PDB file of N, CA and C in Angstrom:
ATOM      1  N   GLN A   1       5.719 -17.229 -10.815  1.00  0.00           N
ATOM      2  CA  GLN A   1       5.457 -17.019  -9.971  1.00  0.00           C
ATOM      3  C   GLN A   1       5.373 -15.747  -9.851  1.00  0.00           C
ATOM      4  N   VAL A   2       4.389 -15.240  -8.865  1.00  0.00           N
ATOM      5  CA  VAL A   2       3.485 -13.114  -8.406  1.00  0.00           C
ATOM      6  C   VAL A   2       4.634 -14.322  -7.510  1.00  0.00           C
ATOM      7  N   GLN A   3       5.272 -12.615  -6.673  1.00  0.00           N
ATOM      8  CA  GLN A   3       5.897 -12.334  -5.486  1.00  0.00           C
ATOM      9  C   GLN A   3       5.618 -10.431  -5.478  1.00  0.00           C
ATOM     10  N   LEU A   4       5.140 -10.922  -4.105  1.00  0.00           N
ATOM     11  CA  LEU A   4       5.310  -9.286  -3.700  1.00  0.00           C
ATOM     12  C   LEU A   4       6.079  -8.767  -2.416  1.00  0.00           C
ATOM     13  N   VAL A   5       6.967  -8.147  -1.900  1.00  0.00           N
ATOM     14  CA  VAL A   5       7.347  -8.081  -1.167  1.00  0.00           C
ATOM     15  C   VAL A   5       7.880  -6.853  -0.871  1.00  0.00           C
ATOM     16  N   GLU A   6       7.378  -6.458   0.721  1.00  0.00           N
ATOM     17  CA  GLU A   6       6.257  -5.344   1.611  1.00  0.00           C
ATOM     18  C   GLU A   6       7.293  -5.536   2.337  1.00  0.00           C
ATOM     19  N   SER A   7       7.927  -3.881   2.710  1.00  0.00           N
ATOM     20  CA  SER A   7       9.208  -3.122   3.350  1.00  0.00           C
ATOM     21  C   SER A   7       8.674  -2.002   3.838  1.00  0.00           C
ATOM     22  N   GLY A   8       9.511  -1.447   5.357  1.00  0.00           N
ATOM     23  CA  GLY A   8       9.241  -0.126   5.766  1.00  0.00           C
ATOM     24  C   GLY A   8       8.694  -0.383   6.460  1.00  0.00           C
ATOM     25  N   GLY A   9       7.670  -1.068   7.237  1.00  0.00           N
ATOM     26  CA  GLY A   9       6.939  -1.327   7.974  1.00  0.00           C
ATOM     27  C   GLY A   9       7.644  -0.901   9.545  1.00  0.00           C
ATOM     28  N   GLY A  10       7.150   0.019  10.660  1.00  0.00           N
ATOM     29  CA  GLY A  10       7.368  -0.562  11.859  1.00  0.00           C
ATOM     30  C   GLY A  10       6.788   0.378  12.888  1.00  0.00           C
ATOM     31  N   LEU A  11       7.308   1.129  13.216  1.00  0.00           N
ATOM     32  CA  LEU A  11       6.818   2.032  15.267  1.00  0.00           C
ATOM     33  C   LEU A  11       6.965   3.192  15.106  1.00  0.00           C
ATOM     34  N   VAL A  12       5.863   4.486  15.508  1.00  0.00           N
ATOM     35  CA  VAL A  12       6.475   6.132  14.767  1.00  0.00           C
ATOM     36  C   VAL A  12       5.453   6.632  15.883  1.00  0.00           C
ATOM     37  N   GLN A  13       5.937   7.280  16.096  1.00  0.00           N
ATOM     38  CA  GLN A  13       5.019   8.351  16.742  1.00  0.00           C
ATOM     39  C   GLN A  13       3.683   9.018  16.199  1.00  0.00           C
ATOM     40  N   ALA A  14       2.884   9.269  16.978  1.00  0.00           N
ATOM     41  CA  ALA A  14       1.645  10.222  16.449  1.00  0.00           C
ATOM     42  C   ALA A  14       2.622  11.275  15.054  1.00  0.00           C
ATOM     43  N   GLY A  15       1.904  11.560  14.585  1.00  0.00           N
ATOM     44  CA  GLY A  15       2.542  12.641  14.044  1.00  0.00           C
ATOM     45  C   GLY A  15       3.876  11.827  12.614  1.00  0.00           C
ATOM     46  N   GLY A  16       4.714  11.247  12.548  1.00  0.00           N
ATOM     47  CA  GLY A  16       5.710  10.554  12.373  1.00  0.00           C
ATOM     48  C   GLY A  16       5.061  10.136  10.553  1.00  0.00           C
ATOM     49  N   SER A  17       6.455  10.166   9.904  1.00  0.00           N
ATOM     50  CA  SER A  17       5.759   9.639   8.921  1.00  0.00           C
ATOM     51  C   SER A  17       6.835   8.604   9.073  1.00  0.00           C
ATOM     52  N   LEU A  18       6.386   7.273   7.166  1.00  0.00           N
ATOM     53  CA  LEU A  18       7.165   6.103   6.970  1.00  0.00           C
ATOM     54  C   LEU A  18       6.883   6.058   5.686  1.00  0.00           C
ATOM     55  N   ARG A  19       7.150   5.119   5.122  1.00  0.00           N
ATOM     56  CA  ARG A  19       7.068   5.447   3.160  1.00  0.00           C
ATOM     57  C   ARG A  19       7.380   3.551   3.858  1.00  0.00           C
ATOM     58  N   LEU A  20       5.994   2.747   3.030  1.00  0.00           N
ATOM     59  CA  LEU A  20       6.109   1.441   2.572  1.00  0.00           C
ATOM     60  C   LEU A  20       6.570   1.283   0.973  1.00  0.00           C
ATOM     61  N   SER A  21       7.668   0.111   0.957  1.00  0.00           N
ATOM     62  CA  SER A  21       7.404  -0.161  -0.369  1.00  0.00           C
ATOM     63  C   SER A  21       7.750  -2.146  -0.885  1.00  0.00           C
ATOM     64  N   CYS A  22       7.044  -1.428  -2.691  1.00  0.00           N
ATOM     65  CA  CYS A  22       6.574  -3.209  -2.329  1.00  0.00           C
ATOM     66  C   CYS A  22       6.790  -4.041  -3.937  1.00  0.00           C
ATOM     67  N   ALA A  23       8.449  -4.471  -3.694  1.00  0.00           N
ATOM     68  CA  ALA A  23       9.080  -4.899  -4.813  1.00  0.00           C
ATOM     69  C   ALA A  23       7.822  -6.282  -5.798  1.00  0.00           C
ATOM     70  N   ALA A  24       7.554  -6.222  -7.365  1.00  0.00           N
ATOM     71  CA  ALA A  24       6.868  -6.650  -7.106  1.00  0.00           C
ATOM     72  C   ALA A  24       7.758  -7.273  -8.712  1.00  0.00           C
ATOM     73  N   SER A  25       7.477  -8.386  -8.866  1.00  0.00           N
ATOM     74  CA  SER A  25       8.348  -9.831  -9.626  1.00  0.00           C
ATOM     75  C   SER A  25       6.712 -10.932 -10.515  1.00  0.00           C
ATOM     76  N   GLY A  26       7.958 -11.157 -11.658  1.00  0.00           N
ATOM     77  CA  GLY A  26       6.402 -12.464 -11.693  1.00  0.00           C
ATOM     78  C   GLY A  26       5.609 -11.580 -12.551  1.00  0.00           C
ATOM     79  N   ILE A  27       5.246 -10.352 -12.685  1.00  0.00           N
ATOM     80  CA  ILE A  27       3.314  -9.748 -13.997  1.00  0.00           C
ATOM     81  C   ILE A  27       4.440  -8.549 -14.289  1.00  0.00           C
ATOM     82  N   THR A  28       3.901  -8.430 -14.926  1.00  0.00           N
ATOM     83  CA  THR A  28       3.717  -6.923 -15.981  1.00  0.00           C
ATOM     84  C   THR A  28       4.260  -5.913 -15.506  1.00  0.00           C
ATOM     85  N   PHE A  29       4.490  -5.309 -14.934  1.00  0.00           N
ATOM     86  CA  PHE A  29       4.240  -4.298 -13.934  1.00  0.00           C
ATOM     87  C   PHE A  29       4.110  -2.719 -14.126  1.00  0.00           C
ATOM     88  N   SER A  30       4.822  -2.718 -15.569  1.00  0.00           N
ATOM     89  CA  SER A  30       3.947  -1.593 -15.913  1.00  0.00           C
ATOM     90  C   SER A  30       2.818  -1.331 -16.506  1.00  0.00           C
ATOM     91  N   MET A  31       2.324  -2.540 -16.886  1.00  0.00           N
ATOM     92  CA  MET A  31       0.297  -2.382 -17.449  1.00  0.00           C
ATOM     93  C   MET A  31      -0.393  -3.081 -15.652  1.00  0.00           C
ATOM     94  N   SER A  32       0.104  -3.188 -14.703  1.00  0.00           N
ATOM     95  CA  SER A  32       0.119  -3.491 -13.818  1.00  0.00           C
ATOM     96  C   SER A  32      -1.140  -2.464 -12.735  1.00  0.00           C
ATOM     97  N   ALA A  33      -2.005  -2.380 -12.905  1.00  0.00           N
ATOM     98  CA  ALA A  33      -2.429  -1.736 -11.084  1.00  0.00           C
ATOM     99  C   ALA A  33      -2.516  -2.270  -9.853  1.00  0.00           C
ATOM    100  N   MET A  34      -1.424  -0.725  -9.072  1.00  0.00           N
ATOM    101  CA  MET A  34      -1.013  -2.231  -7.884  1.00  0.00           C
ATOM    102  C   MET A  34      -1.660  -0.768  -7.307  1.00  0.00           C
ATOM    103  N   ALA A  35      -2.183  -1.550  -5.686  1.00  0.00           N
ATOM    104  CA  ALA A  35      -3.085  -0.944  -4.021  1.00  0.00           C
ATOM    105  C   ALA A  35      -2.501  -1.072  -3.010  1.00  0.00           C
ATOM    106  N   TRP A  36      -2.670  -0.473  -2.131  1.00  0.00           N
ATOM    107  CA  TRP A  36      -2.096  -1.184  -0.581  1.00  0.00           C
ATOM    108  C   TRP A  36      -3.250  -0.828  -0.705  1.00  0.00           C
ATOM    109  N   TYR A  37      -3.452  -2.698   0.753  1.00  0.00           N
ATOM    110  CA  TYR A  37      -5.016  -2.248   1.997  1.00  0.00           C
ATOM    111  C   TYR A  37      -4.208  -2.476   3.046  1.00  0.00           C
ATOM    112  N   ARG A  38      -5.635  -2.530   4.023  1.00  0.00           N
ATOM    113  CA  ARG A  38      -4.794  -1.866   5.393  1.00  0.00           C
ATOM    114  C   ARG A  38      -5.374  -3.639   6.596  1.00  0.00           C
ATOM    115  N   GLN A  39      -5.032  -4.019   7.398  1.00  0.00           N
ATOM    116  CA  GLN A  39      -6.453  -4.441   8.449  1.00  0.00           C
ATOM    117  C   GLN A  39      -5.629  -4.776   9.372  1.00  0.00           C
ATOM    118  N   ALA A  40      -6.976  -3.763  10.316  1.00  0.00           N
ATOM    119  CA  ALA A  40      -6.612  -3.783  12.392  1.00  0.00           C
ATOM    120  C   ALA A  40      -7.156  -5.439  12.224  1.00  0.00           C
ATOM    121  N   PRO A  41      -6.536  -5.296  13.795  1.00  0.00           N
ATOM    122  CA  PRO A  41      -7.449  -6.239  14.331  1.00  0.00           C
ATOM    123  C   PRO A  41      -8.399  -6.429  14.537  1.00  0.00           C
ATOM    124  N   GLY A  42      -9.195  -7.712  14.458  1.00  0.00           N
ATOM    125  CA  GLY A  42     -10.695  -7.244  14.290  1.00  0.00           C
ATOM    126  C   GLY A  42     -11.913  -6.695  13.481  1.00  0.00           C
ATOM    127  N   GLU A  43     -10.412  -5.951  12.678  1.00  0.00           N
ATOM    128  CA  GLU A  43     -11.864  -5.047  11.320  1.00  0.00           C
ATOM    129  C   GLU A  43     -11.418  -5.850   9.812  1.00  0.00           C
ATOM    130  N   GLN A  44     -12.599  -5.584   9.019  1.00  0.00           N
ATOM    131  CA  GLN A  44     -12.084  -6.341   7.177  1.00  0.00           C
ATOM    132  C   GLN A  44     -10.906  -5.930   6.247  1.00  0.00           C
ATOM    133  N   ARG A  45     -10.054  -6.045   6.230  1.00  0.00           N
ATOM    134  CA  ARG A  45      -9.430  -5.718   5.042  1.00  0.00           C
ATOM    135  C   ARG A  45      -9.792  -4.372   4.392  1.00  0.00           C
ATOM    136  N   GLU A  46      -8.835  -2.934   4.355  1.00  0.00           N
ATOM    137  CA  GLU A  46      -9.668  -2.067   3.916  1.00  0.00           C
ATOM    138  C   GLU A  46      -8.773  -1.372   2.412  1.00  0.00           C
ATOM    139  N   LEU A  47      -9.621  -1.067   1.460  1.00  0.00           N
ATOM    140  CA  LEU A  47      -8.554  -0.250   0.292  1.00  0.00           C
ATOM    141  C   LEU A  47      -7.736   0.839   1.060  1.00  0.00           C
ATOM    142  N   VAL A  48      -6.594   1.730   1.045  1.00  0.00           N
ATOM    143  CA  VAL A  48      -6.359   2.691   1.236  1.00  0.00           C
ATOM    144  C   VAL A  48      -5.674   3.363   0.042  1.00  0.00           C
ATOM    145  N   ALA A  49      -4.499   2.439  -1.212  1.00  0.00           N
ATOM    146  CA  ALA A  49      -5.276   3.568  -1.580  1.00  0.00           C
ATOM    147  C   ALA A  49      -4.139   2.450  -2.680  1.00  0.00           C
ATOM    148  N   ALA A  50      -4.671   3.136  -4.349  1.00  0.00           N
ATOM    149  CA  ALA A  50      -4.246   2.287  -5.642  1.00  0.00           C
ATOM    150  C   ALA A  50      -3.862   3.536  -6.649  1.00  0.00           C
ATOM    151  N   ILE A  51      -2.943   2.729  -7.646  1.00  0.00           N
ATOM    152  CA  ILE A  51      -2.574   3.839  -8.312  1.00  0.00           C
ATOM    153  C   ILE A  51      -2.811   2.968 -10.279  1.00  0.00           C
ATOM    154  N   SER A  52      -3.549   3.011 -10.889  1.00  0.00           N
ATOM    155  CA  SER A  52      -3.383   2.587 -11.975  1.00  0.00           C
ATOM    156  C   SER A  52      -2.208   2.393 -12.324  1.00  0.00           C
ATOM    157  N   SER A  53      -2.355   1.456 -14.087  1.00  0.00           N
ATOM    158  CA  SER A  53      -0.692   1.443 -14.944  1.00  0.00           C
ATOM    159  C   SER A  53      -0.850   2.525 -15.508  1.00  0.00           C
ATOM    160  N   GLY A  54      -1.314   3.830 -15.946  1.00  0.00           N
ATOM    161  CA  GLY A  54      -1.464   4.891 -16.117  1.00  0.00           C
ATOM    162  C   GLY A  54      -0.160   5.816 -15.307  1.00  0.00           C
ATOM    163  N   GLY A  55      -0.621   5.685 -14.017  1.00  0.00           N
ATOM    164  CA  GLY A  55      -0.329   6.158 -12.838  1.00  0.00           C
ATOM    165  C   GLY A  55      -2.137   7.610 -12.497  1.00  0.00           C
ATOM    166  N   SER A  56      -3.266   7.146 -13.257  1.00  0.00           N
ATOM    167  CA  SER A  56      -3.613   7.162 -12.009  1.00  0.00           C
ATOM    168  C   SER A  56      -4.376   7.499 -10.957  1.00  0.00           C
ATOM    169  N   THR A  57      -4.876   7.846  -9.449  1.00  0.00           N
ATOM    170  CA  THR A  57      -4.664   7.737  -8.259  1.00  0.00           C
ATOM    171  C   THR A  57      -6.045   7.850  -7.275  1.00  0.00           C
ATOM    172  N   HIS A  58      -5.983   7.200  -6.337  1.00  0.00           N
ATOM    173  CA  HIS A  58      -7.144   6.528  -5.233  1.00  0.00           C
ATOM    174  C   HIS A  58      -7.003   6.671  -4.061  1.00  0.00           C
ATOM    175  N   TYR A  59      -7.930   6.849  -3.644  1.00  0.00           N
ATOM    176  CA  TYR A  59      -7.751   6.919  -1.623  1.00  0.00           C
ATOM    177  C   TYR A  59      -8.765   7.451  -0.776  1.00  0.00           C
ATOM    178  N   ALA A  60      -8.260   6.415  -0.554  1.00  0.00           N
ATOM    179  CA  ALA A  60      -9.615   6.072   0.724  1.00  0.00           C
ATOM    180  C   ALA A  60      -9.541   7.735   1.883  1.00  0.00           C
ATOM    181  N   ASN A  61     -11.033   7.723   2.033  1.00  0.00           N
ATOM    182  CA  ASN A  61     -11.399   9.548   2.626  1.00  0.00           C
ATOM    183  C   ASN A  61     -10.037   9.436   4.065  1.00  0.00           C
ATOM    184  N   SER A  62      -9.923   8.365   4.309  1.00  0.00           N
ATOM    185  CA  SER A  62      -8.525   8.436   5.880  1.00  0.00           C
ATOM    186  C   SER A  62      -7.822   9.457   5.820  1.00  0.00           C
ATOM    187  N   VAL A  63      -7.229   8.595   4.342  1.00  0.00           N
ATOM    188  CA  VAL A  63      -6.261   8.910   4.426  1.00  0.00           C
ATOM    189  C   VAL A  63      -5.462   9.815   3.279  1.00  0.00           C
ATOM    190  N   LYS A  64      -6.565  10.292   2.221  1.00  0.00           N
ATOM    191  CA  LYS A  64      -6.961  11.460   1.560  1.00  0.00           C
ATOM    192  C   LYS A  64      -6.083  12.485   2.573  1.00  0.00           C
ATOM    193  N   GLY A  65      -4.384  13.812   1.677  1.00  0.00           N
ATOM    194  CA  GLY A  65      -3.675  14.651   2.018  1.00  0.00           C
ATOM    195  C   GLY A  65      -3.007  13.995   2.803  1.00  0.00           C
ATOM    196  N   ARG A  66      -2.752  13.106   2.986  1.00  0.00           N
ATOM    197  CA  ARG A  66      -1.713  12.382   4.124  1.00  0.00           C
ATOM    198  C   ARG A  66      -0.628  11.111   3.431  1.00  0.00           C
ATOM    199  N   PHE A  67      -1.508  10.521   3.112  1.00  0.00           N
ATOM    200  CA  PHE A  67      -1.117   9.179   1.517  1.00  0.00           C
ATOM    201  C   PHE A  67      -0.084   9.762   0.662  1.00  0.00           C
ATOM    202  N   ALA A  68       0.170   8.926   0.334  1.00  0.00           N
ATOM    203  CA  ALA A  68       0.686   9.963  -1.013  1.00  0.00           C
ATOM    204  C   ALA A  68       1.016   7.968  -1.651  1.00  0.00           C
ATOM    205  N   ILE A  69       0.605   7.393  -2.824  1.00  0.00           N
ATOM    206  CA  ILE A  69       1.215   6.150  -2.988  1.00  0.00           C
ATOM    207  C   ILE A  69       1.900   6.555  -4.789  1.00  0.00           C
ATOM    208  N   SER A  70       2.751   6.449  -5.024  1.00  0.00           N
ATOM    209  CA  SER A  70       3.262   5.743  -6.117  1.00  0.00           C
ATOM    210  C   SER A  70       4.173   4.995  -7.125  1.00  0.00           C
ATOM    211  N   ARG A  71       5.028   4.480  -7.542  1.00  0.00           N
ATOM    212  CA  ARG A  71       5.214   3.988  -8.614  1.00  0.00           C
ATOM    213  C   ARG A  71       6.566   4.447  -9.472  1.00  0.00           C
ATOM    214  N   ASP A  72       7.591   3.188  -9.417  1.00  0.00           N
ATOM    215  CA  ASP A  72       8.441   3.117 -10.443  1.00  0.00           C
ATOM    216  C   ASP A  72       8.598   2.442 -11.209  1.00  0.00           C
ATOM    217  N   ASN A  73       8.184   2.160 -12.280  1.00  0.00           N
ATOM    218  CA  ASN A  73       7.913   0.995 -13.369  1.00  0.00           C
ATOM    219  C   ASN A  73       9.741   0.657 -13.722  1.00  0.00           C
ATOM    220  N   ALA A  74      10.823   1.520 -13.978  1.00  0.00           N
ATOM    221  CA  ALA A  74      11.508   1.033 -13.499  1.00  0.00           C
ATOM    222  C   ALA A  74      12.334  -0.439 -12.662  1.00  0.00           C
ATOM    223  N   LYS A  75      11.834  -0.002 -11.689  1.00  0.00           N
ATOM    224  CA  LYS A  75      12.005  -0.378 -10.643  1.00  0.00           C
ATOM    225  C   LYS A  75      11.198  -1.884  -9.794  1.00  0.00           C
ATOM    226  N   ASN A  76      10.446  -1.722 -10.491  1.00  0.00           N
ATOM    227  CA  ASN A  76       9.286  -2.679 -10.580  1.00  0.00           C
ATOM    228  C   ASN A  76       8.679  -2.313  -9.624  1.00  0.00           C
ATOM    229  N   ILE A  77       8.629  -1.475  -8.061  1.00  0.00           N
ATOM    230  CA  ILE A  77       8.276  -0.978  -7.525  1.00  0.00           C
ATOM    231  C   ILE A  77       7.415   0.105  -6.971  1.00  0.00           C
ATOM    232  N   VAL A  78       6.486  -0.203  -5.964  1.00  0.00           N
ATOM    233  CA  VAL A  78       5.031   0.451  -5.506  1.00  0.00           C
ATOM    234  C   VAL A  78       5.515   1.095  -4.177  1.00  0.00           C
ATOM    235  N   TYR A  79       5.383   2.131  -3.785  1.00  0.00           N
ATOM    236  CA  TYR A  79       5.713   3.255  -3.253  1.00  0.00           C
ATOM    237  C   TYR A  79       3.841   3.718  -1.993  1.00  0.00           C
ATOM    238  N   LEU A  80       4.180   3.628  -0.723  1.00  0.00           N
ATOM    239  CA  LEU A  80       2.700   4.586  -0.075  1.00  0.00           C
ATOM    240  C   LEU A  80       4.060   5.070   0.868  1.00  0.00           C
ATOM    241  N   GLN A  81       3.641   6.505   1.248  1.00  0.00           N
ATOM    242  CA  GLN A  81       4.509   7.835   1.623  1.00  0.00           C
ATOM    243  C   GLN A  81       3.454   7.933   3.318  1.00  0.00           C
ATOM    244  N   MET A  82       3.482   7.698   4.286  1.00  0.00           N
ATOM    245  CA  MET A  82       2.291   7.639   5.086  1.00  0.00           C
ATOM    246  C   MET A  82       3.439   8.834   6.193  1.00  0.00           C
ATOM    247  N   ASN A  83       2.324   9.967   6.023  1.00  0.00           N
ATOM    248  CA  ASN A  83       2.528  11.004   6.779  1.00  0.00           C
ATOM    249  C   ASN A  83       1.659  11.817   7.625  1.00  0.00           C
ATOM    250  N   SER A  84       1.807  12.510   9.006  1.00  0.00           N
ATOM    251  CA  SER A  84       1.038  12.830   9.605  1.00  0.00           C
ATOM    252  C   SER A  84       0.099  11.688   9.656  1.00  0.00           C
ATOM    253  N   LEU A  85       0.543  10.022  10.407  1.00  0.00           N
ATOM    254  CA  LEU A  85       0.324   9.012  10.324  1.00  0.00           C
ATOM    255  C   LEU A  85      -0.506   9.495  12.329  1.00  0.00           C
ATOM    256  N   LYS A  86      -1.678   8.389  12.143  1.00  0.00           N
ATOM    257  CA  LYS A  86      -2.393   8.765  13.639  1.00  0.00           C
ATOM    258  C   LYS A  86      -2.575   7.476  14.286  1.00  0.00           C
ATOM    259  N   PRO A  87      -2.714   6.788  15.418  1.00  0.00           N
ATOM    260  CA  PRO A  87      -2.439   5.809  16.115  1.00  0.00           C
ATOM    261  C   PRO A  87      -3.909   4.567  15.265  1.00  0.00           C
ATOM    262  N   GLU A  88      -5.140   5.295  15.172  1.00  0.00           N
ATOM    263  CA  GLU A  88      -5.685   4.875  13.792  1.00  0.00           C
ATOM    264  C   GLU A  88      -5.952   3.970  12.794  1.00  0.00           C
ATOM    265  N   ASP A  89      -3.661   4.734  12.306  1.00  0.00           N
ATOM    266  CA  ASP A  89      -3.274   3.884  10.973  1.00  0.00           C
ATOM    267  C   ASP A  89      -2.767   2.547  11.604  1.00  0.00           C
ATOM    268  N   THR A  90      -2.838   2.164  12.374  1.00  0.00           N
ATOM    269  CA  THR A  90      -1.901   1.148  13.192  1.00  0.00           C
ATOM    270  C   THR A  90      -2.973  -0.126  12.337  1.00  0.00           C
ATOM    271  N   ALA A  91      -2.054  -0.911  11.597  1.00  0.00           N
ATOM    272  CA  ALA A  91      -2.701  -2.457  10.960  1.00  0.00           C
ATOM    273  C   ALA A  91      -1.391  -2.603   9.849  1.00  0.00           C
ATOM    274  N   VAL A  92      -1.536  -4.003   9.104  1.00  0.00           N
ATOM    275  CA  VAL A  92      -0.838  -5.047   8.764  1.00  0.00           C
ATOM    276  C   VAL A  92      -1.160  -4.123   7.019  1.00  0.00           C
ATOM    277  N   TYR A  93      -0.038  -3.672   7.054  1.00  0.00           N
ATOM    278  CA  TYR A  93      -0.556  -3.197   4.972  1.00  0.00           C
ATOM    279  C   TYR A  93       0.815  -3.976   4.344  1.00  0.00           C
ATOM    280  N   TYR A  94      -1.375  -4.243   3.463  1.00  0.00           N
ATOM    281  CA  TYR A  94      -0.838  -5.300   1.856  1.00  0.00           C
ATOM    282  C   TYR A  94      -0.603  -4.735   1.004  1.00  0.00           C
ATOM    283  N   CYS A  95      -0.040  -5.424   0.555  1.00  0.00           N
ATOM    284  CA  CYS A  95       0.800  -5.155  -1.458  1.00  0.00           C
ATOM    285  C   CYS A  95      -0.649  -5.638  -1.827  1.00  0.00           C
ATOM    286  N   ASN A  96      -0.516  -5.109  -2.596  1.00  0.00           N
ATOM    287  CA  ASN A  96      -2.572  -5.887  -3.661  1.00  0.00           C
ATOM    288  C   ASN A  96      -1.748  -5.737  -5.615  1.00  0.00           C
ATOM    289  N   ALA A  97      -2.051  -5.891  -6.308  1.00  0.00           N
ATOM    290  CA  ALA A  97      -1.250  -6.085  -7.867  1.00  0.00           C
ATOM    291  C   ALA A  97      -2.207  -7.025  -8.107  1.00  0.00           C
ATOM    292  N   GLY A  98      -2.827  -6.476  -9.299  1.00  0.00           N
ATOM    293  CA  GLY A  98      -2.812  -6.940 -10.955  1.00  0.00           C
ATOM    294  C   GLY A  98      -3.312  -6.710 -12.167  1.00  0.00           C
ATOM    295  N   VAL A  99      -4.059  -6.798 -12.927  1.00  0.00           N
ATOM    296  CA  VAL A  99      -4.847  -6.047 -14.314  1.00  0.00           C
ATOM    297  C   VAL A  99      -6.103  -6.821 -14.614  1.00  0.00           C
ATOM    298  N   ARG A 100      -6.599  -5.934 -13.938  1.00  0.00           N
ATOM    299  CA  ARG A 100      -7.863  -6.309 -13.613  1.00  0.00           C
ATOM    300  C   ARG A 100      -8.632  -5.097 -12.617  1.00  0.00           C
ATOM    301  N   ALA A 101      -9.825  -4.845 -13.721  1.00  0.00           N
ATOM    302  CA  ALA A 101     -10.858  -3.824 -13.209  1.00  0.00           C
ATOM    303  C   ALA A 101     -11.092  -3.703 -12.751  1.00  0.00           C
ATOM    304  N   ALA A 102     -11.247  -4.282 -11.811  1.00  0.00           N
ATOM    305  CA  ALA A 102     -12.142  -4.006 -10.545  1.00  0.00           C
ATOM    306  C   ALA A 102     -11.064  -4.070  -9.230  1.00  0.00           C
ATOM    307  N   PHE A 103     -11.372  -3.917  -7.794  1.00  0.00           N
ATOM    308  CA  PHE A 103     -10.179  -4.913  -6.858  1.00  0.00           C
ATOM    309  C   PHE A 103     -10.995  -5.445  -5.797  1.00  0.00           C
ATOM    310  N   PRO A 104     -10.926  -5.488  -5.469  1.00  0.00           N
ATOM    311  CA  PRO A 104      -9.616  -6.475  -4.820  1.00  0.00           C
ATOM    312  C   PRO A 104      -8.643  -6.674  -5.815  1.00  0.00           C
ATOM    313  N   LEU A 105      -7.353  -6.721  -6.611  1.00  0.00           N
ATOM    314  CA  LEU A 105      -6.491  -7.218  -7.214  1.00  0.00           C
ATOM    315  C   LEU A 105      -6.405  -9.096  -7.053  1.00  0.00           C
ATOM    316  N   PRO A 106      -5.592  -9.276  -8.261  1.00  0.00           N
ATOM    317  CA  PRO A 106      -5.080 -10.799  -7.752  1.00  0.00           C
ATOM    318  C   PRO A 106      -4.342 -11.175  -7.070  1.00  0.00           C
ATOM    319  N   TYR A 107      -3.342 -10.391  -6.808  1.00  0.00           N
ATOM    320  CA  TYR A 107      -1.705 -11.212  -6.174  1.00  0.00           C
ATOM    321  C   TYR A 107      -2.038  -9.936  -4.821  1.00  0.00           C
ATOM    322  N   TRP A 108      -1.517 -10.952  -4.720  1.00  0.00           N
ATOM    323  CA  TRP A 108      -0.877  -9.342  -2.238  1.00  0.00           C
ATOM    324  C   TRP A 108       0.401 -10.290  -1.856  1.00  0.00           C
ATOM    325  N   GLY A 109       0.957  -9.050  -0.847  1.00  0.00           N
ATOM    326  CA  GLY A 109       2.167  -9.809  -0.846  1.00  0.00           C
ATOM    327  C   GLY A 109       1.429  -9.958   0.565  1.00  0.00           C
ATOM    328  N   GLN A 110       3.106 -10.548   1.666  1.00  0.00           N
ATOM    329  CA  GLN A 110       3.033 -10.719   2.767  1.00  0.00           C
ATOM    330  C   GLN A 110       2.432 -10.422   3.888  1.00  0.00           C
ATOM    331  N   GLY A 111       2.433  -8.885   3.544  1.00  0.00           N
ATOM    332  CA  GLY A 111       1.806  -7.429   4.509  1.00  0.00           C
ATOM    333  C   GLY A 111       2.996  -7.589   5.607  1.00  0.00           C
ATOM    334  N   THR A 112       3.273  -5.795   5.313  1.00  0.00           N
ATOM    335  CA  THR A 112       3.743  -5.961   6.482  1.00  0.00           C
ATOM    336  C   THR A 112       3.230  -4.351   7.627  1.00  0.00           C
ATOM    337  N   GLN A 113       3.861  -5.007   9.511  1.00  0.00           N
ATOM    338  CA  GLN A 113       2.567  -4.191  10.419  1.00  0.00           C
ATOM    339  C   GLN A 113       2.882  -2.495  10.191  1.00  0.00           C
ATOM    340  N   VAL A 114       2.492  -1.311  10.920  1.00  0.00           N
ATOM    341  CA  VAL A 114       2.650  -0.301  10.744  1.00  0.00           C
ATOM    342  C   VAL A 114       2.248  -0.128  12.248  1.00  0.00           C
ATOM    343  N   THR A 115       2.482   0.162  12.754  1.00  0.00           N
ATOM    344  CA  THR A 115       1.806   0.959  14.683  1.00  0.00           C
ATOM    345  C   THR A 115       2.357   1.883  15.306  1.00  0.00           C
ATOM    346  N   VAL A 116       1.342   2.766  15.010  1.00  0.00           N
ATOM    347  CA  VAL A 116       1.357   4.367  15.367  1.00  0.00           C
ATOM    348  C   VAL A 116       1.222   4.285  16.829  1.00  0.00           C
ATOM    349  N   GLY A 117       2.237   4.872  17.494  1.00  0.00           N
ATOM    350  CA  GLY A 117       2.124   5.328  19.017  1.00  0.00           C
ATOM    351  C   GLY A 117       1.448   6.685  19.642  1.00  0.00           C
ATOM    352  N   SER A 118       0.225   6.767  20.599  1.00  0.00           N
ATOM    353  CA  SER A 118      -0.203   8.217  20.803  1.00  0.00           C
ATOM    354  C   SER A 118       0.704   8.555  21.893  1.00  0.00           C
TER     355      SER A 118
END
C-alpha cells in the first residue's frame, strides 16, 4: 500500500521560508518521479515542482528562483524548500508520486496547509 505523508506546512509571514517533506512508503522510491502540487480555495490543483528519478527538476514559472525540490533516496523523502514566500503561495500542498511519464502521477498524499500572511 502506497503512503505519502506530508509535513512542514504552517503559517508564515510574507518573505519567510518553509520546508515541506513527504515521506514515501510502498513504492520503489528511487525509481519514482516525485512532485508537489498545490490547490488554493476555488482554484484548480497546479503542479509546483517535480523531480525525476534521475534528479532532473521542473518548476512552475510562479515559483522559479524561490522554491527548490530535492530528494533523499536513502530516506525515501522528497523536500520542497520554499523561500521568499508570498500570500499567493497560500494553498494546500500535495505530494505526488509514481513511475509514469506524464503528470499527475498516480499516488497522492493527504496534503499540508501553507498559509502566508501579508
